[in-house]
PDB file of N, CA and C in Angstrom:
ATOM      1  N   MET A   1     215.971 -33.417 110.743  1.00  0.00           N
ATOM      2  CA  MET A   1     216.661 -34.581 111.249  1.00  0.00           C
ATOM      3  C   MET A   1     216.946 -34.462 112.720  1.00  0.00           C
ATOM      4  N   GLU A   2     216.972 -35.607 113.363  1.00  0.00           N
ATOM      5  CA  GLU A   2     217.312 -35.766 114.756  1.00  0.00           C
ATOM      6  C   GLU A   2     218.639 -35.184 115.062  1.00  0.00           C
ATOM      7  N   LYS A   3     218.795 -34.533 116.226  1.00  0.00           N
ATOM      8  CA  LYS A   3     220.103 -33.996 116.617  1.00  0.00           C
ATOM      9  C   LYS A   3     220.763 -34.999 117.599  1.00  0.00           C
ATOM     10  N   ARG A   4     222.035 -35.178 117.493  1.00  0.00           N
ATOM     11  CA  ARG A   4     222.697 -36.039 118.432  1.00  0.00           C
ATOM     12  C   ARG A   4     223.851 -35.042 118.928  1.00  0.00           C
ATOM     13  N   ASN A   5     223.800 -34.725 120.137  1.00  0.00           N
ATOM     14  CA  ASN A   5     224.701 -33.764 120.806  1.00  0.00           C
ATOM     15  C   ASN A   5     224.491 -32.409 120.201  1.00  0.00           C
ATOM     16  N   GLU A   6     225.651 -31.814 119.764  1.00  0.00           N
ATOM     17  CA  GLU A   6     225.577 -30.450 119.259  1.00  0.00           C
ATOM     18  C   GLU A   6     225.639 -30.287 117.713  1.00  0.00           C
ATOM     19  N   ILE A   7     225.757 -31.422 117.083  1.00  0.00           N
ATOM     20  CA  ILE A   7     225.811 -31.302 115.622  1.00  0.00           C
ATOM     21  C   ILE A   7     224.768 -32.258 114.981  1.00  0.00           C
ATOM     22  N   PRO A   8     223.998 -31.756 114.015  1.00  0.00           N
ATOM     23  CA  PRO A   8     222.973 -32.664 113.473  1.00  0.00           C
ATOM     24  C   PRO A   8     223.536 -33.723 112.562  1.00  0.00           C
ATOM     25  N   VAL A   9     222.824 -34.852 112.642  1.00  0.00           N
ATOM     26  CA  VAL A   9     223.307 -35.971 111.746  1.00  0.00           C
ATOM     27  C   VAL A   9     222.834 -35.814 110.382  1.00  0.00           C
ATOM     28  N   ALA A  10     223.596 -36.346 109.400  1.00  0.00           N
ATOM     29  CA  ALA A  10     223.250 -36.341 108.037  1.00  0.00           C
ATOM     30  C   ALA A  10     223.043 -34.914 107.476  1.00  0.00           C
ATOM     31  N   GLU A  11     223.888 -34.039 107.957  1.00  0.00           N
ATOM     32  CA  GLU A  11     223.811 -32.651 107.440  1.00  0.00           C
ATOM     33  C   GLU A  11     225.192 -32.139 107.278  1.00  0.00           C
ATOM     34  N   ILE A  12     225.566 -31.537 106.201  1.00  0.00           N
ATOM     35  CA  ILE A  12     226.932 -31.002 105.889  1.00  0.00           C
ATOM     36  C   ILE A  12     227.102 -29.742 106.833  1.00  0.00           C
ATOM     37  N   GLN A  13     228.331 -29.731 107.398  1.00  0.00           N
ATOM     38  CA  GLN A  13     228.671 -28.640 108.369  1.00  0.00           C
ATOM     39  C   GLN A  13     229.968 -27.995 107.825  1.00  0.00           C
ATOM     40  N   SER A  14     230.170 -26.779 107.977  1.00  0.00           N
ATOM     41  CA  SER A  14     231.462 -25.984 107.847  1.00  0.00           C
ATOM     42  C   SER A  14     231.949 -25.809 109.220  1.00  0.00           C
ATOM     43  N   LEU A  15     232.926 -26.679 109.638  1.00  0.00           N
ATOM     44  CA  LEU A  15     233.411 -26.627 111.014  1.00  0.00           C
ATOM     45  C   LEU A  15     233.924 -25.268 111.369  1.00  0.00           C
ATOM     46  N   THR A  16     234.640 -24.610 110.468  1.00  0.00           N
ATOM     47  CA  THR A  16     235.172 -23.314 110.859  1.00  0.00           C
ATOM     48  C   THR A  16     234.252 -22.266 111.177  1.00  0.00           C
ATOM     49  N   ASP A  17     232.926 -22.558 110.650  1.00  0.00           N
ATOM     50  CA  ASP A  17     231.890 -21.466 110.979  1.00  0.00           C
ATOM     51  C   ASP A  17     231.126 -21.788 112.303  1.00  0.00           C
ATOM     52  N   LEU A  18     231.481 -22.939 112.998  1.00  0.00           N
ATOM     53  CA  LEU A  18     230.662 -23.327 114.122  1.00  0.00           C
ATOM     54  C   LEU A  18     231.361 -22.671 115.410  1.00  0.00           C
ATOM     55  N   VAL A  19     232.489 -22.140 115.275  1.00  0.00           N
ATOM     56  CA  VAL A  19     233.130 -21.494 116.489  1.00  0.00           C
ATOM     57  C   VAL A  19     233.958 -20.195 116.045  1.00  0.00           C
ATOM     58  N   ALA A  20     233.958 -19.202 116.788  1.00  0.00           N
ATOM     59  CA  ALA A  20     234.585 -17.870 116.320  1.00  0.00           C
ATOM     60  C   ALA A  20     235.674 -17.584 117.271  1.00  0.00           C
ATOM     61  N   ILE A  21     236.787 -16.998 116.699  1.00  0.00           N
ATOM     62  CA  ILE A  21     237.929 -16.539 117.467  1.00  0.00           C
ATOM     63  C   ILE A  21     237.529 -15.277 118.121  1.00  0.00           C
ATOM     64  N   GLN A  22     237.782 -15.370 119.506  1.00  0.00           N
ATOM     65  CA  GLN A  22     237.495 -14.011 120.286  1.00  0.00           C
ATOM     66  C   GLN A  22     238.827 -13.559 120.861  1.00  0.00           C
ATOM     67  N   SER A  23     238.920 -12.200 120.888  1.00  0.00           N
ATOM     68  CA  SER A  23     240.000 -11.421 121.356  1.00  0.00           C
ATOM     69  C   SER A  23     240.639 -11.934 122.737  1.00  0.00           C
ATOM     70  N   ARG A  24     241.820 -12.409 122.741  1.00  0.00           N
ATOM     71  CA  ARG A  24     242.574 -12.797 123.955  1.00  0.00           C
ATOM     72  C   ARG A  24     241.840 -13.916 124.642  1.00  0.00           C
ATOM     73  N   ALA A  25     241.187 -14.883 123.858  1.00  0.00           N
ATOM     74  CA  ALA A  25     240.437 -15.994 124.469  1.00  0.00           C
ATOM     75  C   ALA A  25     240.710 -17.269 123.812  1.00  0.00           C
ATOM     76  N   VAL A  26     240.202 -18.316 124.548  1.00  0.00           N
ATOM     77  CA  VAL A  26     240.153 -19.663 124.005  1.00  0.00           C
ATOM     78  C   VAL A  26     238.618 -20.040 124.127  1.00  0.00           C
ATOM     79  N   VAL A  27     237.986 -20.412 123.065  1.00  0.00           N
ATOM     80  CA  VAL A  27     236.667 -20.815 122.905  1.00  0.00           C
ATOM     81  C   VAL A  27     236.509 -22.264 122.528  1.00  0.00           C
ATOM     82  N   SER A  28     235.645 -23.024 123.157  1.00  0.00           N
ATOM     83  CA  SER A  28     235.405 -24.367 122.745  1.00  0.00           C
ATOM     84  C   SER A  28     234.022 -24.713 122.641  1.00  0.00           C
ATOM     85  N   ARG A  29     233.652 -25.732 121.731  1.00  0.00           N
ATOM     86  CA  ARG A  29     232.361 -26.166 121.498  1.00  0.00           C
ATOM     87  C   ARG A  29     232.398 -27.637 121.430  1.00  0.00           C
ATOM     88  N   THR A  30     231.729 -28.343 122.291  1.00  0.00           N
ATOM     89  CA  THR A  30     231.714 -29.857 122.172  1.00  0.00           C
ATOM     90  C   THR A  30     230.599 -30.175 121.095  1.00  0.00           C
ATOM     91  N   LEU A  31     231.085 -30.931 120.126  1.00  0.00           N
ATOM     92  CA  LEU A  31     230.038 -31.330 119.109  1.00  0.00           C
ATOM     93  C   LEU A  31     229.558 -32.666 119.307  1.00  0.00           C
ATOM     94  N   ILE A  32     230.409 -33.576 119.808  1.00  0.00           N
ATOM     95  CA  ILE A  32     229.770 -34.912 120.099  1.00  0.00           C
ATOM     96  C   ILE A  32     230.495 -35.253 121.502  1.00  0.00           C
ATOM     97  N   ASP A  33     229.614 -35.832 122.331  1.00  0.00           N
ATOM     98  CA  ASP A  33     230.069 -36.327 123.670  1.00  0.00           C
ATOM     99  C   ASP A  33     229.510 -37.720 123.958  1.00  0.00           C
ATOM    100  N   GLN A  34     230.206 -38.756 123.576  1.00  0.00           N
ATOM    101  CA  GLN A  34     229.704 -40.094 123.728  1.00  0.00           C
ATOM    102  C   GLN A  34     230.613 -40.906 124.622  1.00  0.00           C
ATOM    103  N   LYS A  35     230.205 -42.055 125.005  1.00  0.00           N
ATOM    104  CA  LYS A  35     230.945 -42.954 125.872  1.00  0.00           C
ATOM    105  C   LYS A  35     232.285 -43.285 125.236  1.00  0.00           C
ATOM    106  N   ALA A  36     232.279 -43.482 123.870  1.00  0.00           N
ATOM    107  CA  ALA A  36     233.577 -43.778 123.223  1.00  0.00           C
ATOM    108  C   ALA A  36     234.561 -42.602 123.041  1.00  0.00           C
ATOM    109  N   GLY A  37     234.046 -41.424 123.137  1.00  0.00           N
ATOM    110  CA  GLY A  37     234.911 -40.220 123.001  1.00  0.00           C
ATOM    111  C   GLY A  37     234.144 -38.988 122.800  1.00  0.00           C
ATOM    112  N   THR A  38     234.974 -37.859 122.638  1.00  0.00           N
ATOM    113  CA  THR A  38     234.416 -36.517 122.383  1.00  0.00           C
ATOM    114  C   THR A  38     235.020 -35.906 121.224  1.00  0.00           C
ATOM    115  N   LEU A  39     234.291 -35.015 120.641  1.00  0.00           N
ATOM    116  CA  LEU A  39     234.756 -34.219 119.442  1.00  0.00           C
ATOM    117  C   LEU A  39     234.468 -32.828 119.875  1.00  0.00           C
ATOM    118  N   THR A  40     235.538 -32.078 119.971  1.00  0.00           N
ATOM    119  CA  THR A  40     235.426 -30.641 120.451  1.00  0.00           C
ATOM    120  C   THR A  40     236.165 -29.682 119.471  1.00  0.00           C
ATOM    121  N   LEU A  41     235.533 -28.654 119.123  1.00  0.00           N
ATOM    122  CA  LEU A  41     236.004 -27.598 118.228  1.00  0.00           C
ATOM    123  C   LEU A  41     236.507 -26.442 119.071  1.00  0.00           C
ATOM    124  N   PHE A  42     237.819 -25.990 118.763  1.00  0.00           N
ATOM    125  CA  PHE A  42     238.431 -24.954 119.644  1.00  0.00           C
ATOM    126  C   PHE A  42     238.696 -23.781 118.676  1.00  0.00           C
ATOM    127  N   ALA A  43     238.728 -22.645 119.232  1.00  0.00           N
ATOM    128  CA  ALA A  43     239.178 -21.377 118.611  1.00  0.00           C
ATOM    129  C   ALA A  43     240.043 -20.531 119.528  1.00  0.00           C
ATOM    130  N   PHE A  44     241.276 -20.357 119.189  1.00  0.00           N
ATOM    131  CA  PHE A  44     242.288 -19.637 120.049  1.00  0.00           C
ATOM    132  C   PHE A  44     242.802 -18.349 119.304  1.00  0.00           C
ATOM    133  N   ASP A  45     242.778 -17.295 120.171  1.00  0.00           N
ATOM    134  CA  ASP A  45     243.323 -15.967 119.575  1.00  0.00           C
ATOM    135  C   ASP A  45     244.805 -16.201 119.548  1.00  0.00           C
ATOM    136  N   GLN A  46     245.504 -15.457 118.730  1.00  0.00           N
ATOM    137  CA  GLN A  46     247.044 -15.462 118.693  1.00  0.00           C
ATOM    138  C   GLN A  46     247.653 -15.456 120.137  1.00  0.00           C
ATOM    139  N   GLU A  47     248.565 -16.313 120.464  1.00  0.00           N
ATOM    140  CA  GLU A  47     249.341 -16.398 121.720  1.00  0.00           C
ATOM    141  C   GLU A  47     248.422 -16.915 122.931  1.00  0.00           C
ATOM    142  N   GLN A  48     247.328 -17.320 122.597  1.00  0.00           N
ATOM    143  CA  GLN A  48     246.500 -18.042 123.698  1.00  0.00           C
ATOM    144  C   GLN A  48     246.829 -19.586 123.649  1.00  0.00           C
ATOM    145  N   GLY A  49     246.626 -20.242 124.675  1.00  0.00           N
ATOM    146  CA  GLY A  49     246.923 -21.652 124.678  1.00  0.00           C
ATOM    147  C   GLY A  49     246.380 -22.362 125.881  1.00  0.00           C
ATOM    148  N   LEU A  50     246.803 -23.569 126.021  1.00  0.00           N
ATOM    149  CA  LEU A  50     246.532 -24.448 127.151  1.00  0.00           C
ATOM    150  C   LEU A  50     247.814 -24.806 127.828  1.00  0.00           C
ATOM    151  N   SER A  51     247.871 -24.550 129.271  1.00  0.00           N
ATOM    152  CA  SER A  51     249.007 -24.893 129.847  1.00  0.00           C
ATOM    153  C   SER A  51     249.320 -26.517 129.983  1.00  0.00           C
ATOM    154  N   GLU A  52     250.490 -26.812 130.262  1.00  0.00           N
ATOM    155  CA  GLU A  52     250.851 -28.311 130.341  1.00  0.00           C
ATOM    156  C   GLU A  52     249.921 -29.074 131.250  1.00  0.00           C
ATOM    157  N   HIS A  53     249.501 -30.196 130.809  1.00  0.00           N
ATOM    158  CA  HIS A  53     248.626 -31.068 131.488  1.00  0.00           C
ATOM    159  C   HIS A  53     248.608 -32.463 130.966  1.00  0.00           C
ATOM    160  N   THR A  54     248.070 -33.376 131.580  1.00  0.00           N
ATOM    161  CA  THR A  54     248.048 -34.773 131.048  1.00  0.00           C
ATOM    162  C   THR A  54     246.511 -35.158 130.903  1.00  0.00           C
ATOM    163  N   ALA A  55     246.297 -36.161 130.101  1.00  0.00           N
ATOM    164  CA  ALA A  55     244.912 -36.772 129.939  1.00  0.00           C
ATOM    165  C   ALA A  55     245.022 -38.192 129.963  1.00  0.00           C
ATOM    166  N   PRO A  56     243.924 -38.853 130.511  1.00  0.00           N
ATOM    167  CA  PRO A  56     244.005 -40.322 130.648  1.00  0.00           C
ATOM    168  C   PRO A  56     243.678 -41.096 129.254  1.00  0.00           C
ATOM    169  N   PHE A  57     243.465 -40.333 128.268  1.00  0.00           N
ATOM    170  CA  PHE A  57     243.180 -40.902 126.951  1.00  0.00           C
ATOM    171  C   PHE A  57     243.886 -40.310 125.789  1.00  0.00           C
ATOM    172  N   ASP A  58     244.105 -40.999 124.714  1.00  0.00           N
ATOM    173  CA  ASP A  58     244.769 -40.466 123.494  1.00  0.00           C
ATOM    174  C   ASP A  58     243.862 -39.375 122.912  1.00  0.00           C
ATOM    175  N   ALA A  59     244.476 -38.302 122.413  1.00  0.00           N
ATOM    176  CA  ALA A  59     243.832 -37.190 121.847  1.00  0.00           C
ATOM    177  C   ALA A  59     244.305 -36.832 120.476  1.00  0.00           C
ATOM    178  N   PHE A  60     243.532 -36.751 119.403  1.00  0.00           N
ATOM    179  CA  PHE A  60     243.919 -36.470 118.044  1.00  0.00           C
ATOM    180  C   PHE A  60     243.554 -34.999 117.809  1.00  0.00           C
ATOM    181  N   VAL A  61     244.566 -34.303 117.428  1.00  0.00           N
ATOM    182  CA  VAL A  61     244.243 -32.787 117.049  1.00  0.00           C
ATOM    183  C   VAL A  61     244.384 -32.686 115.594  1.00  0.00           C
ATOM    184  N   GLN A  62     243.409 -31.983 114.849  1.00  0.00           N
ATOM    185  CA  GLN A  62     243.460 -31.555 113.481  1.00  0.00           C
ATOM    186  C   GLN A  62     243.321 -30.005 113.342  1.00  0.00           C
ATOM    187  N   VAL A  63     244.383 -29.403 112.896  1.00  0.00           N
ATOM    188  CA  VAL A  63     244.365 -28.026 112.637  1.00  0.00           C
ATOM    189  C   VAL A  63     243.581 -27.592 111.391  1.00  0.00           C
ATOM    190  N   LEU A  64     242.511 -26.795 111.631  1.00  0.00           N
ATOM    191  CA  LEU A  64     241.587 -26.407 110.554  1.00  0.00           C
ATOM    192  C   LEU A  64     242.038 -24.988 109.948  1.00  0.00           C
ATOM    193  N   THR A  65     242.434 -24.053 110.687  1.00  0.00           N
ATOM    194  CA  THR A  65     242.977 -22.850 110.343  1.00  0.00           C
ATOM    195  C   THR A  65     244.094 -22.342 111.220  1.00  0.00           C
ATOM    196  N   GLY A  66     245.107 -21.641 110.780  1.00  0.00           N
ATOM    197  CA  GLY A  66     246.072 -21.068 111.632  1.00  0.00           C
ATOM    198  C   GLY A  66     247.263 -22.037 111.807  1.00  0.00           C
ATOM    199  N   GLU A  67     248.060 -21.623 112.917  1.00  0.00           N
ATOM    200  CA  GLU A  67     249.321 -22.341 113.153  1.00  0.00           C
ATOM    201  C   GLU A  67     249.383 -22.468 114.683  1.00  0.00           C
ATOM    202  N   VAL A  68     249.906 -23.563 115.065  1.00  0.00           N
ATOM    203  CA  VAL A  68     249.977 -23.953 116.557  1.00  0.00           C
ATOM    204  C   VAL A  68     251.325 -24.595 116.989  1.00  0.00           C
ATOM    205  N   GLU A  69     251.810 -24.370 118.120  1.00  0.00           N
ATOM    206  CA  GLU A  69     252.861 -25.255 118.642  1.00  0.00           C
ATOM    207  C   GLU A  69     252.280 -26.011 119.651  1.00  0.00           C
ATOM    208  N   ILE A  70     252.401 -27.449 119.559  1.00  0.00           N
ATOM    209  CA  ILE A  70     251.952 -28.396 120.560  1.00  0.00           C
ATOM    210  C   ILE A  70     253.253 -29.088 121.163  1.00  0.00           C
ATOM    211  N   THR A  71     253.404 -29.000 122.413  1.00  0.00           N
ATOM    212  CA  THR A  71     254.506 -29.645 123.082  1.00  0.00           C
ATOM    213  C   THR A  71     253.994 -30.907 123.756  1.00  0.00           C
ATOM    214  N   ILE A  72     254.676 -32.139 123.350  1.00  0.00           N
ATOM    215  CA  ILE A  72     254.357 -33.388 123.943  1.00  0.00           C
ATOM    216  C   ILE A  72     255.523 -33.951 124.617  1.00  0.00           C
ATOM    217  N   ALA A  73     255.467 -34.204 125.913  1.00  0.00           N
ATOM    218  CA  ALA A  73     256.597 -34.796 126.697  1.00  0.00           C
ATOM    219  C   ALA A  73     257.896 -33.940 126.390  1.00  0.00           C
ATOM    220  N   GLY A  74     257.863 -32.569 126.368  1.00  0.00           N
ATOM    221  CA  GLY A  74     258.909 -31.728 126.157  1.00  0.00           C
ATOM    222  C   GLY A  74     259.363 -31.608 124.755  1.00  0.00           C
ATOM    223  N   ILE A  75     258.804 -32.157 123.799  1.00  0.00           N
ATOM    224  CA  ILE A  75     259.174 -32.051 122.391  1.00  0.00           C
ATOM    225  C   ILE A  75     258.164 -31.115 121.651  1.00  0.00           C
ATOM    226  N   PRO A  76     258.569 -30.036 121.085  1.00  0.00           N
ATOM    227  CA  PRO A  76     257.636 -29.098 120.464  1.00  0.00           C
ATOM    228  C   PRO A  76     257.376 -29.506 118.979  1.00  0.00           C
ATOM    229  N   PHE A  77     256.161 -29.471 118.518  1.00  0.00           N
ATOM    230  CA  PHE A  77     255.658 -29.697 117.202  1.00  0.00           C
ATOM    231  C   PHE A  77     254.964 -28.526 116.691  1.00  0.00           C
ATOM    232  N   ARG A  78     255.291 -27.990 115.419  1.00  0.00           N
ATOM    233  CA  ARG A  78     254.602 -27.004 114.946  1.00  0.00           C
ATOM    234  C   ARG A  78     253.711 -27.479 113.750  1.00  0.00           C
ATOM    235  N   LEU A  79     252.361 -27.174 113.871  1.00  0.00           N
ATOM    236  CA  LEU A  79     251.404 -27.669 112.920  1.00  0.00           C
ATOM    237  C   LEU A  79     250.733 -26.435 112.242  1.00  0.00           C
ATOM    238  N   VAL A  80     250.400 -26.679 110.961  1.00  0.00           N
ATOM    239  CA  VAL A  80     249.769 -25.642 110.188  1.00  0.00           C
ATOM    240  C   VAL A  80     248.279 -26.259 109.625  1.00  0.00           C
ATOM    241  N   GLU A  81     247.497 -25.435 109.012  1.00  0.00           N
ATOM    242  CA  GLU A  81     246.327 -25.894 108.506  1.00  0.00           C
ATOM    243  C   GLU A  81     246.471 -27.246 107.705  1.00  0.00           C
ATOM    244  N   GLY A  82     245.612 -28.151 107.988  1.00  0.00           N
ATOM    245  CA  GLY A  82     245.577 -29.487 107.294  1.00  0.00           C
ATOM    246  C   GLY A  82     246.426 -30.527 107.937  1.00  0.00           C
ATOM    247  N   GLN A  83     247.295 -30.107 108.968  1.00  0.00           N
ATOM    248  CA  GLN A  83     248.105 -31.136 109.629  1.00  0.00           C
ATOM    249  C   GLN A  83     247.413 -31.639 110.978  1.00  0.00           C
ATOM    250  N   ALA A  84     247.823 -32.759 111.417  1.00  0.00           N
ATOM    251  CA  ALA A  84     247.214 -33.369 112.605  1.00  0.00           C
ATOM    252  C   ALA A  84     248.300 -34.002 113.322  1.00  0.00           C
ATOM    253  N   ILE A  85     248.063 -34.299 114.613  1.00  0.00           N
ATOM    254  CA  ILE A  85     248.909 -35.132 115.495  1.00  0.00           C
ATOM    255  C   ILE A  85     248.167 -35.854 116.528  1.00  0.00           C
ATOM    256  N   LEU A  86     248.725 -37.047 116.962  1.00  0.00           N
ATOM    257  CA  LEU A  86     248.085 -37.740 117.912  1.00  0.00           C
ATOM    258  C   LEU A  86     248.927 -37.578 119.253  1.00  0.00           C
ATOM    259  N   MET A  87     248.290 -37.185 120.263  1.00  0.00           N
ATOM    260  CA  MET A  87     248.861 -36.903 121.582  1.00  0.00           C
ATOM    261  C   MET A  87     248.609 -38.153 122.388  1.00  0.00           C
ATOM    262  N   PRO A  88     249.565 -38.858 122.937  1.00  0.00           N
ATOM    263  CA  PRO A  88     249.308 -40.152 123.631  1.00  0.00           C
ATOM    264  C   PRO A  88     248.854 -39.872 125.056  1.00  0.00           C
ATOM    265  N   ALA A  89     248.054 -40.736 125.568  1.00  0.00           N
ATOM    266  CA  ALA A  89     247.594 -40.702 126.978  1.00  0.00           C
ATOM    267  C   ALA A  89     248.706 -40.639 127.899  1.00  0.00           C
ATOM    268  N   HIS A  90     248.540 -40.014 129.021  1.00  0.00           N
ATOM    269  CA  HIS A  90     249.454 -39.912 130.207  1.00  0.00           C
ATOM    270  C   HIS A  90     250.693 -39.203 129.880  1.00  0.00           C
ATOM    271  N   GLN A  91     250.747 -38.564 128.678  1.00  0.00           N
ATOM    272  CA  GLN A  91     252.000 -37.720 128.365  1.00  0.00           C
ATOM    273  C   GLN A  91     251.678 -36.304 128.547  1.00  0.00           C
ATOM    274  N   PRO A  92     252.607 -35.538 129.274  1.00  0.00           N
ATOM    275  CA  PRO A  92     252.283 -34.079 129.451  1.00  0.00           C
ATOM    276  C   PRO A  92     252.280 -33.342 128.072  1.00  0.00           C
ATOM    277  N   HIS A  93     251.275 -32.495 127.945  1.00  0.00           N
ATOM    278  CA  HIS A  93     251.290 -31.734 126.582  1.00  0.00           C
ATOM    279  C   HIS A  93     250.779 -30.346 126.911  1.00  0.00           C
ATOM    280  N   ALA A  94     251.072 -29.403 125.984  1.00  0.00           N
ATOM    281  CA  ALA A  94     250.606 -27.998 126.133  1.00  0.00           C
ATOM    282  C   ALA A  94     250.426 -27.580 124.643  1.00  0.00           C
ATOM    283  N   LEU A  95     249.911 -26.306 124.534  1.00  0.00           N
ATOM    284  CA  LEU A  95     249.447 -25.829 123.304  1.00  0.00           C
ATOM    285  C   LEU A  95     249.516 -24.315 123.218  1.00  0.00           C
ATOM    286  N   ARG A  96     250.068 -23.809 122.176  1.00  0.00           N
ATOM    287  CA  ARG A  96     250.110 -22.169 122.060  1.00  0.00           C
ATOM    288  C   ARG A  96     249.873 -21.989 120.599  1.00  0.00           C
ATOM    289  N   ALA A  97     248.842 -21.025 120.496  1.00  0.00           N
ATOM    290  CA  ALA A  97     248.476 -20.630 119.090  1.00  0.00           C
ATOM    291  C   ALA A  97     249.458 -19.535 118.642  1.00  0.00           C
ATOM    292  N   ILE A  98     250.195 -19.865 117.536  1.00  0.00           N
ATOM    293  CA  ILE A  98     251.102 -18.994 117.006  1.00  0.00           C
ATOM    294  C   ILE A  98     250.395 -17.821 116.091  1.00  0.00           C
ATOM    295  N   SER A  99     249.262 -18.233 115.520  1.00  0.00           N
ATOM    296  CA  SER A  99     248.464 -17.307 114.865  1.00  0.00           C
ATOM    297  C   SER A  99     247.003 -17.582 115.276  1.00  0.00           C
ATOM    298  N   PRO A 100     246.055 -16.758 114.941  1.00  0.00           N
ATOM    299  CA  PRO A 100     244.693 -17.181 115.346  1.00  0.00           C
ATOM    300  C   PRO A 100     244.423 -18.597 114.817  1.00  0.00           C
ATOM    301  N   LEU A 101     243.708 -19.440 115.604  1.00  0.00           N
ATOM    302  CA  LEU A 101     243.751 -20.869 115.388  1.00  0.00           C
ATOM    303  C   LEU A 101     242.344 -21.478 115.550  1.00  0.00           C
ATOM    304  N   LYS A 102     241.938 -22.396 114.652  1.00  0.00           N
ATOM    305  CA  LYS A 102     240.808 -23.172 114.865  1.00  0.00           C
ATOM    306  C   LYS A 102     241.251 -24.667 114.675  1.00  0.00           C
ATOM    307  N   MET A 103     240.804 -25.496 115.613  1.00  0.00           N
ATOM    308  CA  MET A 103     241.251 -26.820 115.571  1.00  0.00           C
ATOM    309  C   MET A 103     240.186 -27.842 116.211  1.00  0.00           C
ATOM    310  N   LEU A 104     240.306 -29.032 115.797  1.00  0.00           N
ATOM    311  CA  LEU A 104     239.345 -30.085 116.142  1.00  0.00           C
ATOM    312  C   LEU A 104     240.129 -31.072 117.043  1.00  0.00           C
ATOM    313  N   LEU A 105     239.473 -31.380 118.235  1.00  0.00           N
ATOM    314  CA  LEU A 105     240.170 -32.261 119.127  1.00  0.00           C
ATOM    315  C   LEU A 105     239.236 -33.563 119.327  1.00  0.00           C
ATOM    316  N   PHE A 106     239.791 -34.661 119.009  1.00  0.00           N
ATOM    317  CA  PHE A 106     239.029 -35.985 119.253  1.00  0.00           C
ATOM    318  C   PHE A 106     239.648 -36.686 120.376  1.00  0.00           C
ATOM    319  N   MET A 107     238.969 -36.835 121.436  1.00  0.00           N
ATOM    320  CA  MET A 107     239.447 -37.535 122.654  1.00  0.00           C
ATOM    321  C   MET A 107     238.856 -38.965 122.561  1.00  0.00           C
ATOM    322  N   VAL A 108     239.810 -40.002 122.500  1.00  0.00           N
ATOM    323  CA  VAL A 108     239.366 -41.375 122.408  1.00  0.00           C
ATOM    324  C   VAL A 108     239.365 -41.925 123.739  1.00  0.00           C
ATOM    325  N   ARG A 109     238.122 -42.289 124.215  1.00  0.00           N
ATOM    326  CA  ARG A 109     237.902 -42.833 125.544  1.00  0.00           C
ATOM    327  C   ARG A 109     237.959 -44.324 125.581  1.00  0.00           C
ATOM    328  N   SER A 110     237.696 -44.896 124.545  1.00  0.00           N
ATOM    329  CA  SER A 110     237.815 -46.500 124.598  1.00  0.00           C
ATOM    330  C   SER A 110     238.485 -47.072 123.306  1.00  0.00           C
TER     331      SER A 110
END
């Protein structure tokens, strides 16, 4: 089948197998990068994270494995496997893995 970006079309994928947790690191893999948005898979070792920043687009986070604290506009949210949250555009947010973590981030550009 034809490949579109980093993930083949019409082929079943195990997302948790597409990225590995590395010691004291944050690993990312962009699966789709289109005009309308991006789909990025992340792996964080425990206590790793992303410092506070803003983005010009809404971003949807889906926790695949592990536990994470996401702070949005100063409010902390604790998410576990199977949970998701929408981070609004132009609001400061940060992330810290409470345990080794794999998550999917969908950035909506339009």
